[in-house]
Amino acid sequence: MAEYQERQLRGVGGWLGLLVFILGIATPIRTLIETKTAVTHAAIIGRLLGPNVPTYVQFSWALAATCVVGALYLTYRLVAVHRWSTIGIVIVGLWCLYLLPAVIDAVVTSLLFPKAAGGMLIDALWSSAKGAVWATIWTTYLMASKRVANTYAKDEAEALT
């Protein structure tokens, strides 16, 4: 019975499959939609913001591209590299994906548009708080899940490197 249950709790399925879906499909789509919205808003109120709007647009797309590539890399690791080091990489990656973009965007926006800095800081803090909750939930799952433990092997050679 225990052996059957262990075989059932192996591979990228269940909650782990949901994480793969979120990282591989939902996160890139959400990132591109949010970036398009931010760029559109900046273009609409460009006269109020000043001459740095084109710089902000380029920065926004570069940050979005970095986030999409990062999410796709984490997805690749979860699907293709079934070693325990993947879990460490994914945990660090999740925290970076959920926290850093909002903070980086707020810093760059406040430098490019100092008059709008107050509102951007509040948005960045709120976004970072939500991101910390999601990162905590997924970190807890990755560390406690039997499926994750059965799927990603703890290799002795890996521990030595």
N, C-alpha and C. Protein backbone atom coordinates (compact mmCIF):
# COMPACT_ATOMS: atom_id res chain seq x y z
N MET A 1 0.82 -1.19 0.00
CA MET A 1 0.00 0.00 0.00
C MET A 1 0.87 1.26 0.00
N ALA A 2 1.89 1.28 0.85
CA ALA A 2 2.76 2.46 0.93
C ALA A 2 3.52 2.67 -0.36
N GLU A 3 3.96 1.55 -0.98
CA GLU A 3 4.68 1.65 -2.25
C GLU A 3 3.77 2.19 -3.35
N TYR A 4 2.52 1.75 -3.38
CA TYR A 4 1.55 2.25 -4.37
C TYR A 4 1.32 3.74 -4.18
N GLN A 5 1.16 4.16 -2.92
CA GLN A 5 0.93 5.58 -2.63
C GLN A 5 2.15 6.41 -3.03
N GLU A 6 3.35 5.88 -2.81
CA GLU A 6 4.57 6.60 -3.18
C GLU A 6 4.66 6.76 -4.70
N ARG A 7 4.26 5.72 -5.45
CA ARG A 7 4.26 5.83 -6.91
C ARG A 7 3.23 6.85 -7.38
N GLN A 8 2.11 6.92 -6.69
CA GLN A 8 1.07 7.88 -7.04
C GLN A 8 1.55 9.32 -6.80
N LEU A 9 2.36 9.50 -5.76
CA LEU A 9 2.84 10.83 -5.41
C LEU A 9 4.23 11.08 -5.99
N ARG A 10 4.34 10.91 -7.28
CA ARG A 10 5.59 11.13 -7.96
C ARG A 10 5.29 11.80 -9.30
N GLY A 11 6.18 12.66 -9.72
CA GLY A 11 5.98 13.34 -11.00
C GLY A 11 5.34 14.71 -10.83
N VAL A 12 5.24 15.40 -11.93
CA VAL A 12 4.72 16.76 -11.92
C VAL A 12 3.20 16.69 -12.12
N GLY A 13 2.49 16.61 -11.02
CA GLY A 13 1.05 16.56 -11.04
C GLY A 13 0.51 17.19 -9.77
N GLY A 14 -0.79 17.20 -9.61
CA GLY A 14 -1.40 17.77 -8.41
C GLY A 14 -1.03 19.22 -8.23
N TRP A 15 -0.70 19.58 -6.98
CA TRP A 15 -0.33 20.96 -6.68
C TRP A 15 0.96 21.37 -7.40
N LEU A 16 1.85 20.42 -7.55
CA LEU A 16 3.09 20.71 -8.29
C LEU A 16 2.79 21.04 -9.75
N GLY A 17 1.83 20.33 -10.32
CA GLY A 17 1.38 20.65 -11.68
C GLY A 17 0.77 22.04 -11.76
N LEU A 18 0.04 22.42 -10.71
CA LEU A 18 -0.52 23.77 -10.66
C LEU A 18 0.59 24.81 -10.64
N LEU A 19 1.63 24.58 -9.85
CA LEU A 19 2.76 25.51 -9.81
C LEU A 19 3.42 25.61 -11.18
N VAL A 20 3.59 24.49 -11.86
CA VAL A 20 4.17 24.50 -13.20
C VAL A 20 3.29 25.32 -14.15
N PHE A 21 1.98 25.14 -14.07
CA PHE A 21 1.05 25.92 -14.90
C PHE A 21 1.16 27.41 -14.59
N ILE A 22 1.20 27.74 -13.31
CA ILE A 22 1.30 29.15 -12.91
C ILE A 22 2.59 29.77 -13.45
N LEU A 23 3.71 29.06 -13.27
CA LEU A 23 5.00 29.60 -13.71
C LEU A 23 5.15 29.62 -15.23
N GLY A 24 4.66 28.58 -15.88
CA GLY A 24 4.89 28.44 -17.32
C GLY A 24 3.89 29.15 -18.20
N ILE A 25 2.67 29.36 -17.71
CA ILE A 25 1.64 29.97 -18.54
C ILE A 25 1.07 31.23 -17.91
N ALA A 26 0.56 31.12 -16.68
CA ALA A 26 -0.13 32.25 -16.06
C ALA A 26 0.81 33.43 -15.78
N THR A 27 1.98 33.16 -15.25
CA THR A 27 2.91 34.25 -14.92
C THR A 27 3.36 35.02 -16.17
N PRO A 28 3.79 34.36 -17.24
CA PRO A 28 4.16 35.14 -18.43
C PRO A 28 2.99 35.96 -19.00
N ILE A 29 1.80 35.36 -19.05
CA ILE A 29 0.65 36.11 -19.57
C ILE A 29 0.33 37.30 -18.68
N ARG A 30 0.29 37.08 -17.36
CA ARG A 30 0.01 38.17 -16.41
C ARG A 30 1.06 39.27 -16.52
N THR A 31 2.31 38.88 -16.61
CA THR A 31 3.40 39.85 -16.69
C THR A 31 3.26 40.71 -17.94
N LEU A 32 2.98 40.09 -19.07
CA LEU A 32 2.85 40.85 -20.32
C LEU A 32 1.63 41.77 -20.30
N ILE A 33 0.52 41.30 -19.75
CA ILE A 33 -0.68 42.14 -19.66
C ILE A 33 -0.45 43.32 -18.73
N GLU A 34 0.15 43.07 -17.56
CA GLU A 34 0.42 44.16 -16.61
C GLU A 34 1.40 45.17 -17.20
N THR A 35 2.39 44.70 -17.92
CA THR A 35 3.36 45.60 -18.54
C THR A 35 2.70 46.44 -19.62
N LYS A 36 1.88 45.82 -20.45
CA LYS A 36 1.16 46.55 -21.49
C LYS A 36 0.27 47.62 -20.87
N THR A 37 -0.40 47.30 -19.78
CA THR A 37 -1.25 48.27 -19.09
C THR A 37 -0.44 49.43 -18.54
N ALA A 38 0.68 49.13 -17.89
CA ALA A 38 1.53 50.19 -17.32
C ALA A 38 2.10 51.09 -18.41
N VAL A 39 2.53 50.49 -19.50
CA VAL A 39 3.09 51.27 -20.62
C VAL A 39 2.01 52.14 -21.26
N THR A 40 0.82 51.59 -21.40
CA THR A 40 -0.29 52.36 -21.97
C THR A 40 -0.65 53.54 -21.07
N HIS A 41 -0.71 53.32 -19.76
CA HIS A 41 -1.00 54.41 -18.84
C HIS A 41 0.08 55.48 -18.88
N ALA A 42 1.32 55.05 -18.95
CA ALA A 42 2.42 56.02 -19.03
C ALA A 42 2.33 56.84 -20.30
N ALA A 43 1.95 56.21 -21.41
CA ALA A 43 1.82 56.94 -22.67
C ALA A 43 0.67 57.93 -22.62
N ILE A 44 -0.43 57.54 -21.98
CA ILE A 44 -1.59 58.42 -21.90
C ILE A 44 -1.28 59.66 -21.07
N ILE A 45 -0.61 59.48 -19.94
CA ILE A 45 -0.32 60.64 -19.08
C ILE A 45 1.12 61.12 -19.27
N GLY A 46 1.67 60.82 -20.42
CA GLY A 46 3.06 61.18 -20.72
C GLY A 46 3.37 62.66 -20.56
N ARG A 47 2.44 63.51 -20.93
CA ARG A 47 2.68 64.96 -20.80
C ARG A 47 2.86 65.36 -19.35
N LEU A 48 2.14 64.72 -18.46
CA LEU A 48 2.26 65.04 -17.04
C LEU A 48 3.54 64.46 -16.43
N LEU A 49 3.95 63.32 -16.95
CA LEU A 49 5.12 62.65 -16.38
C LEU A 49 6.44 63.26 -16.84
N GLY A 50 6.46 63.78 -18.03
CA GLY A 50 7.69 64.40 -18.51
C GLY A 50 8.37 63.60 -19.60
N PRO A 51 9.61 63.96 -19.89
CA PRO A 51 10.32 63.40 -21.04
C PRO A 51 10.86 61.98 -20.85
N ASN A 52 10.72 61.41 -19.66
CA ASN A 52 11.32 60.10 -19.40
C ASN A 52 10.41 58.92 -19.73
N VAL A 53 9.28 59.19 -20.35
CA VAL A 53 8.34 58.11 -20.66
C VAL A 53 8.96 57.05 -21.58
N PRO A 54 9.65 57.42 -22.66
CA PRO A 54 10.26 56.38 -23.51
C PRO A 54 11.26 55.50 -22.75
N THR A 55 12.00 56.09 -21.85
CA THR A 55 12.95 55.32 -21.03
C THR A 55 12.19 54.34 -20.15
N TYR A 56 11.08 54.81 -19.56
CA TYR A 56 10.26 53.94 -18.71
C TYR A 56 9.67 52.78 -19.52
N VAL A 57 9.23 53.06 -20.73
CA VAL A 57 8.65 52.02 -21.58
C VAL A 57 9.70 50.94 -21.89
N GLN A 58 10.89 51.36 -22.27
CA GLN A 58 11.96 50.40 -22.56
C GLN A 58 12.31 49.58 -21.33
N PHE A 59 12.43 50.27 -20.20
CA PHE A 59 12.75 49.58 -18.95
C PHE A 59 11.66 48.57 -18.60
N SER A 60 10.41 48.96 -18.73
CA SER A 60 9.28 48.08 -18.38
C SER A 60 9.29 46.81 -19.21
N TRP A 61 9.53 46.95 -20.51
CA TRP A 61 9.55 45.76 -21.36
C TRP A 61 10.76 44.88 -21.05
N ALA A 62 11.90 45.49 -20.73
CA ALA A 62 13.08 44.70 -20.36
C ALA A 62 12.85 43.94 -19.06
N LEU A 63 12.23 44.59 -18.09
CA LEU A 63 11.92 43.92 -16.82
C LEU A 63 10.91 42.79 -17.04
N ALA A 64 9.91 43.04 -17.87
CA ALA A 64 8.91 42.00 -18.18
C ALA A 64 9.57 40.81 -18.86
N ALA A 65 10.44 41.08 -19.83
CA ALA A 65 11.13 39.99 -20.53
C ALA A 65 11.97 39.17 -19.56
N THR A 66 12.64 39.83 -18.64
CA THR A 66 13.45 39.13 -17.63
C THR A 66 12.58 38.25 -16.76
N CYS A 67 11.42 38.76 -16.35
CA CYS A 67 10.51 37.98 -15.50
C CYS A 67 9.96 36.77 -16.26
N VAL A 68 9.60 36.96 -17.52
CA VAL A 68 9.07 35.85 -18.32
C VAL A 68 10.13 34.78 -18.50
N VAL A 69 11.34 35.18 -18.84
CA VAL A 69 12.43 34.21 -19.01
C VAL A 69 12.69 33.48 -17.68
N GLY A 70 12.68 34.21 -16.58
CA GLY A 70 12.88 33.59 -15.26
C GLY A 70 11.80 32.57 -14.94
N ALA A 71 10.55 32.93 -15.19
CA ALA A 71 9.43 32.00 -14.93
C ALA A 71 9.53 30.77 -15.81
N LEU A 72 9.89 30.96 -17.07
CA LEU A 72 10.02 29.81 -17.98
C LEU A 72 11.20 28.92 -17.58
N TYR A 73 12.27 29.52 -17.10
CA TYR A 73 13.41 28.72 -16.62
C TYR A 73 13.00 27.87 -15.41
N LEU A 74 12.27 28.47 -14.47
CA LEU A 74 11.82 27.72 -13.30
C LEU A 74 10.89 26.58 -13.72
N THR A 75 10.05 26.84 -14.70
CA THR A 75 9.16 25.81 -15.23
C THR A 75 9.97 24.67 -15.82
N TYR A 76 10.96 25.01 -16.63
CA TYR A 76 11.84 24.00 -17.21
C TYR A 76 12.48 23.15 -16.12
N ARG A 77 13.02 23.78 -15.10
CA ARG A 77 13.68 23.04 -14.02
C ARG A 77 12.71 22.07 -13.36
N LEU A 78 11.50 22.54 -13.07
CA LEU A 78 10.52 21.68 -12.40
C LEU A 78 10.12 20.49 -13.26
N VAL A 79 10.01 20.71 -14.56
CA VAL A 79 9.55 19.64 -15.46
C VAL A 79 10.68 18.70 -15.85
N ALA A 80 11.87 19.22 -16.09
CA ALA A 80 12.92 18.42 -16.72
C ALA A 80 14.06 17.99 -15.82
N VAL A 81 14.32 18.70 -14.75
CA VAL A 81 15.49 18.39 -13.92
C VAL A 81 15.01 17.94 -12.54
N HIS A 82 14.90 16.63 -12.37
CA HIS A 82 14.34 16.07 -11.15
C HIS A 82 15.43 15.76 -10.13
N ARG A 83 16.15 16.81 -9.76
CA ARG A 83 17.15 16.72 -8.69
C ARG A 83 16.74 17.70 -7.60
N TRP A 84 17.19 17.43 -6.39
CA TRP A 84 16.79 18.27 -5.26
C TRP A 84 17.26 19.71 -5.42
N SER A 85 18.36 19.94 -6.13
CA SER A 85 18.84 21.32 -6.33
C SER A 85 17.80 22.16 -7.05
N THR A 86 16.93 21.54 -7.84
CA THR A 86 15.87 22.27 -8.53
C THR A 86 14.97 22.97 -7.53
N ILE A 87 14.67 22.31 -6.42
CA ILE A 87 13.77 22.90 -5.43
C ILE A 87 14.39 24.16 -4.83
N GLY A 88 15.67 24.12 -4.53
CA GLY A 88 16.34 25.32 -4.01
C GLY A 88 16.33 26.45 -5.02
N ILE A 89 16.59 26.13 -6.28
CA ILE A 89 16.58 27.13 -7.34
C ILE A 89 15.18 27.71 -7.50
N VAL A 90 14.17 26.86 -7.47
CA VAL A 90 12.79 27.33 -7.64
C VAL A 90 12.37 28.21 -6.47
N ILE A 91 12.73 27.84 -5.26
CA ILE A 91 12.36 28.66 -4.10
C ILE A 91 12.98 30.05 -4.21
N VAL A 92 14.26 30.11 -4.49
CA VAL A 92 14.91 31.42 -4.65
C VAL A 92 14.27 32.17 -5.81
N GLY A 93 14.02 31.48 -6.91
CA GLY A 93 13.40 32.10 -8.07
C GLY A 93 12.01 32.64 -7.78
N LEU A 94 11.22 31.89 -7.02
CA LEU A 94 9.88 32.36 -6.67
C LEU A 94 9.95 33.65 -5.86
N TRP A 95 10.83 33.68 -4.88
CA TRP A 95 10.96 34.89 -4.07
C TRP A 95 11.41 36.07 -4.93
N CYS A 96 12.32 35.82 -5.85
CA CYS A 96 12.77 36.89 -6.75
C CYS A 96 11.64 37.35 -7.67
N LEU A 97 10.90 36.40 -8.25
CA LEU A 97 9.81 36.75 -9.16
C LEU A 97 8.67 37.47 -8.46
N TYR A 98 8.40 37.09 -7.21
CA TYR A 98 7.27 37.68 -6.50
C TYR A 98 7.59 39.00 -5.81
N LEU A 99 8.88 39.25 -5.51
CA LEU A 99 9.23 40.47 -4.77
C LEU A 99 9.98 41.51 -5.59
N LEU A 100 11.00 41.10 -6.30
CA LEU A 100 11.91 42.05 -6.93
C LEU A 100 11.30 42.93 -8.03
N PRO A 101 10.50 42.41 -8.94
CA PRO A 101 10.01 43.28 -10.01
C PRO A 101 9.25 44.51 -9.53
N ALA A 102 8.40 44.35 -8.53
CA ALA A 102 7.64 45.50 -8.01
C ALA A 102 8.56 46.52 -7.37
N VAL A 103 9.55 46.04 -6.62
CA VAL A 103 10.48 46.95 -5.96
C VAL A 103 11.36 47.66 -6.99
N ILE A 104 11.88 46.91 -7.94
CA ILE A 104 12.73 47.51 -8.98
C ILE A 104 11.94 48.53 -9.79
N ASP A 105 10.72 48.17 -10.16
CA ASP A 105 9.88 49.09 -10.92
C ASP A 105 9.60 50.36 -10.13
N ALA A 106 9.33 50.24 -8.84
CA ALA A 106 9.06 51.41 -8.00
C ALA A 106 10.28 52.31 -7.89
N VAL A 107 11.46 51.71 -7.75
CA VAL A 107 12.68 52.51 -7.65
C VAL A 107 12.94 53.26 -8.96
N VAL A 108 12.86 52.55 -10.08
CA VAL A 108 13.10 53.18 -11.38
C VAL A 108 12.04 54.24 -11.67
N THR A 109 10.80 53.94 -11.39
CA THR A 109 9.72 54.90 -11.62
C THR A 109 9.91 56.15 -10.77
N SER A 110 10.30 55.98 -9.51
CA SER A 110 10.50 57.15 -8.66
C SER A 110 11.70 57.98 -9.11
N LEU A 111 12.69 57.33 -9.72
CA LEU A 111 13.83 58.08 -10.26
C LEU A 111 13.45 58.82 -11.54
N LEU A 112 12.66 58.18 -12.39
CA LEU A 112 12.27 58.80 -13.66
C LEU A 112 11.15 59.83 -13.49
N PHE A 113 10.26 59.58 -12.53
CA PHE A 113 9.10 60.46 -12.31
C PHE A 113 8.98 60.80 -10.83
N PRO A 114 9.83 61.69 -10.34
CA PRO A 114 9.87 61.98 -8.90
C PRO A 114 8.53 62.48 -8.33
N LYS A 115 7.73 63.16 -9.15
CA LYS A 115 6.46 63.70 -8.65
C LYS A 115 5.46 62.57 -8.33
N ALA A 116 5.62 61.43 -8.95
CA ALA A 116 4.70 60.30 -8.74
C ALA A 116 5.26 59.26 -7.77
N ALA A 117 6.36 59.58 -7.11
CA ALA A 117 7.05 58.58 -6.28
C ALA A 117 6.22 58.08 -5.11
N GLY A 118 5.45 58.93 -4.48
CA GLY A 118 4.67 58.53 -3.30
C GLY A 118 3.69 57.41 -3.60
N GLY A 119 2.92 57.57 -4.65
CA GLY A 119 1.95 56.55 -5.03
C GLY A 119 2.61 55.25 -5.46
N MET A 120 3.73 55.37 -6.14
CA MET A 120 4.44 54.17 -6.60
C MET A 120 4.97 53.35 -5.42
N LEU A 121 5.42 54.03 -4.38
CA LEU A 121 5.95 53.32 -3.22
C LEU A 121 4.87 52.49 -2.54
N ILE A 122 3.69 53.07 -2.39
CA ILE A 122 2.58 52.35 -1.77
C ILE A 122 2.20 51.13 -2.61
N ASP A 123 2.12 51.31 -3.93
CA ASP A 123 1.80 50.19 -4.82
C ASP A 123 2.86 49.09 -4.74
N ALA A 124 4.13 49.49 -4.69
CA ALA A 124 5.22 48.51 -4.61
C ALA A 124 5.17 47.73 -3.30
N LEU A 125 4.89 48.43 -2.20
CA LEU A 125 4.80 47.74 -0.91
C LEU A 125 3.64 46.76 -0.89
N TRP A 126 2.50 47.15 -1.42
CA TRP A 126 1.34 46.27 -1.46
C TRP A 126 1.62 45.06 -2.35
N SER A 127 2.21 45.29 -3.51
CA SER A 127 2.54 44.21 -4.43
C SER A 127 3.56 43.26 -3.81
N SER A 128 4.54 43.81 -3.12
CA SER A 128 5.56 42.98 -2.46
C SER A 128 4.96 42.16 -1.33
N ALA A 129 4.02 42.73 -0.59
CA ALA A 129 3.36 42.00 0.49
C ALA A 129 2.57 40.82 -0.07
N LYS A 130 1.82 41.05 -1.15
CA LYS A 130 1.08 39.95 -1.79
C LYS A 130 2.05 38.90 -2.31
N GLY A 131 3.15 39.34 -2.91
CA GLY A 131 4.15 38.41 -3.42
C GLY A 131 4.78 37.58 -2.33
N ALA A 132 5.02 38.19 -1.18
CA ALA A 132 5.61 37.46 -0.05
C ALA A 132 4.67 36.37 0.44
N VAL A 133 3.38 36.64 0.43
CA VAL A 133 2.40 35.62 0.83
C VAL A 133 2.45 34.44 -0.13
N TRP A 134 2.43 34.71 -1.43
CA TRP A 134 2.48 33.63 -2.43
C TRP A 134 3.79 32.86 -2.34
N ALA A 135 4.90 33.58 -2.21
CA ALA A 135 6.19 32.90 -2.10
C ALA A 135 6.25 32.02 -0.86
N THR A 136 5.68 32.49 0.23
CA THR A 136 5.66 31.70 1.46
C THR A 136 4.82 30.44 1.29
N ILE A 137 3.66 30.57 0.66
CA ILE A 137 2.79 29.41 0.44
C ILE A 137 3.51 28.36 -0.41
N TRP A 138 4.09 28.78 -1.54
CA TRP A 138 4.75 27.82 -2.43
C TRP A 138 6.03 27.26 -1.82
N THR A 139 6.76 28.06 -1.06
CA THR A 139 7.96 27.57 -0.39
C THR A 139 7.59 26.48 0.61
N THR A 140 6.55 26.74 1.38
CA THR A 140 6.09 25.76 2.36
C THR A 140 5.67 24.47 1.66
N TYR A 141 4.94 24.59 0.58
CA TYR A 141 4.52 23.40 -0.18
C TYR A 141 5.74 22.62 -0.69
N LEU A 142 6.68 23.32 -1.32
CA LEU A 142 7.84 22.65 -1.89
C LEU A 142 8.68 21.94 -0.83
N MET A 143 8.74 22.49 0.35
CA MET A 143 9.54 21.89 1.42
C MET A 143 8.82 20.75 2.13
N ALA A 144 7.48 20.74 2.12
CA ALA A 144 6.73 19.76 2.91
C ALA A 144 6.07 18.66 2.08
N SER A 145 5.97 18.83 0.80
CA SER A 145 5.21 17.90 -0.04
C SER A 145 5.90 16.56 -0.23
N LYS A 146 5.12 15.49 -0.07
CA LYS A 146 5.64 14.15 -0.35
C LYS A 146 5.87 13.97 -1.84
N ARG A 147 5.01 14.54 -2.69
CA ARG A 147 5.19 14.44 -4.13
C ARG A 147 6.51 15.08 -4.53
N VAL A 148 6.81 16.25 -3.99
CA VAL A 148 8.07 16.93 -4.30
C VAL A 148 9.25 16.09 -3.83
N ALA A 149 9.16 15.56 -2.61
CA ALA A 149 10.25 14.73 -2.08
C ALA A 149 10.46 13.47 -2.92
N ASN A 150 9.37 12.89 -3.44
CA ASN A 150 9.48 11.68 -4.26
C ASN A 150 9.94 11.98 -5.68
N THR A 151 9.65 13.17 -6.18
CA THR A 151 9.96 13.50 -7.57
C THR A 151 11.39 14.01 -7.73
N TYR A 152 11.85 14.80 -6.78
CA TYR A 152 13.17 15.44 -6.90
C TYR A 152 14.14 14.73 -5.96
N ALA A 153 14.98 13.89 -6.55
CA ALA A 153 15.87 13.02 -5.79
C ALA A 153 16.97 13.81 -5.09
N LYS A 154 17.22 13.39 -3.87
CA LYS A 154 18.36 13.94 -3.12
C LYS A 154 19.54 13.05 -3.44
N ASP A 155 20.43 13.56 -4.27
CA ASP A 155 21.57 12.81 -4.76
C ASP A 155 22.79 13.12 -3.90
N GLU A 156 23.52 12.09 -3.49
CA GLU A 156 24.72 12.30 -2.68
C GLU A 156 25.77 13.11 -3.44
N ALA A 157 25.94 12.84 -4.72
CA ALA A 157 26.92 13.58 -5.53
C ALA A 157 26.55 15.06 -5.61
N GLU A 158 25.26 15.33 -5.61
CA GLU A 158 24.79 16.72 -5.66
C GLU A 158 25.15 17.45 -4.39
N ALA A 159 25.09 16.76 -3.26
CA ALA A 159 25.41 17.37 -1.97
C ALA A 159 26.89 17.73 -1.87
N LEU A 160 27.74 17.02 -2.60
CA LEU A 160 29.18 17.28 -2.55
C LEU A 160 29.61 18.46 -3.40
N THR A 161 28.77 18.85 -4.37
CA THR A 161 29.17 19.95 -5.26
C THR A 161 28.63 21.26 -4.81
